[in-house]
Amino acid sequence: RQRRALPPSAGRTPRDAMSQIQNHEAKLNPVERDETIIVEAFGARKCPKLVEQVQSEKLAVKRNALSVLCGEFSNPMSIRGCVEAGIMQVLCDYIAGDADDLTRERASRALALAAWDANGRVAMLDEGVAAKVMPALDDAVVVVRRNVLEALVNYSCATIREVRSIVGAGYPTTLVAKAASEVDEVQPLVLKLLYNCIKDETGLADALGASAVETCISLLDSGSTEVRKESATTLSFLCFAEMAKMNAIQGGGVAKLSSLLTDEAWEVRAAAAGALMAVTTTDPGKKAIVPANGVEPLINLLQVHIRANTPHIHFTHALHTCASHIEPHARPPKFKLLFFCTQQSNGHHQTHPLRLPLATSIFNISNEISTFLTLLAFIPM
């Protein structure tokens, strides 16, 4: 025998019945969401919608959308999607001419993040971003200038095509002037971008014509460790050009670089040694380092690194380039020095590959026995 089915309402409490009524009652229209709250769209509409919100005429929406854009640019797929939706031109317009400081700041930050990505760099090259954001180098907001320079440094680290686009926009001359006048916070980025620009021959010629060597020498006295390091690094690259070497020697660069060999920061000491290595490849440079008291700190630095078994290539090369123009005058000190530099500090019989050339270099630096014997005083025998 089959039981008769109970009606739908059988066995339900009044509370269940009330819930059913509430679920099916006529409701008011939903409240519209606040437009300033940026909500991610679904699927393929994600990036186009975000780019549209970035272009909103409402300032709050534009600011918030740019903030979200900066967060999204940690994802390469988001960078690609936004690039395809036309974000580069929008960012350039905001960076170069928007009246709102926060908009320029966030737009420039998004550009700096995009420059880390290959798709972002290709888009920057295709859109001619380097020329379009150049006015931002004179922006009143320091953060905007810093972000733009960071973007250009990241952009120009990839291939020579990006470097040439920056050089073609006229950056080298501007960067030399900015390096001398910028605040300490921004100067290192200016020098890094200038370093990248002189990888191109036209950029090198433009920088030298704008007195880049003299500017870098003047910045060696900066109170900022980062500025001293970057100015010495840029100077070392500039001095691979023969004209730059002579400008550095005549401008007192050898003496200033020699003084930096005793800087408290090892990065500055290494950069100064690299610059001396480049300057002293010419005979005038070799002759200038001895009266500038540059030999003693080089020897002291090499002693430290030899004992630690970690000699620095810049120190060794700097001594090598100083050595070739002088004839030896004293045999016994030479043999004594060779013996010191070829023996192992740890008691083994193997010879360190840098010790023999170092000994010869130190011996050949001075053209007087008295000066050479003075050098020997800094080396324990």
Foldseek 3Di string as FASTA:
>chain_A
DDDDDDPPCPPDDPVVVVVVCVVPDDDDDDDDDDLLDDDADDDLCRQLVLLVQCPDPDPSSVLSSLVVLLVCLVDLVSLLSNLVNPNLVVLLCQLQDNPDPSNNLSSLQSLLSLLLDPSSLVSCLVVLSLLSNVNNCPPPDPSNNQSNLSNLLSSLPPDVSSLVSNVVSPLLLVLLVCLQPPDPVRNLSSLSNLLSNVVDVSSLVNNVVNVSLLSLLVQCPPPDPSSVLSSLQSLLSSLLDVVSLVVCLVNVVLLSLLVQCPPPDVSNNLSSLSSLLSNLLDPSSLVSNVVSVNLQSLVVQQVVCLLVVHGDPSSLSSLLSSFDPADADDDPVLVVQQVVQQPHPVRDNHGDPSSNSSSNSLRRSDNDPVVSVVSVVSPDD
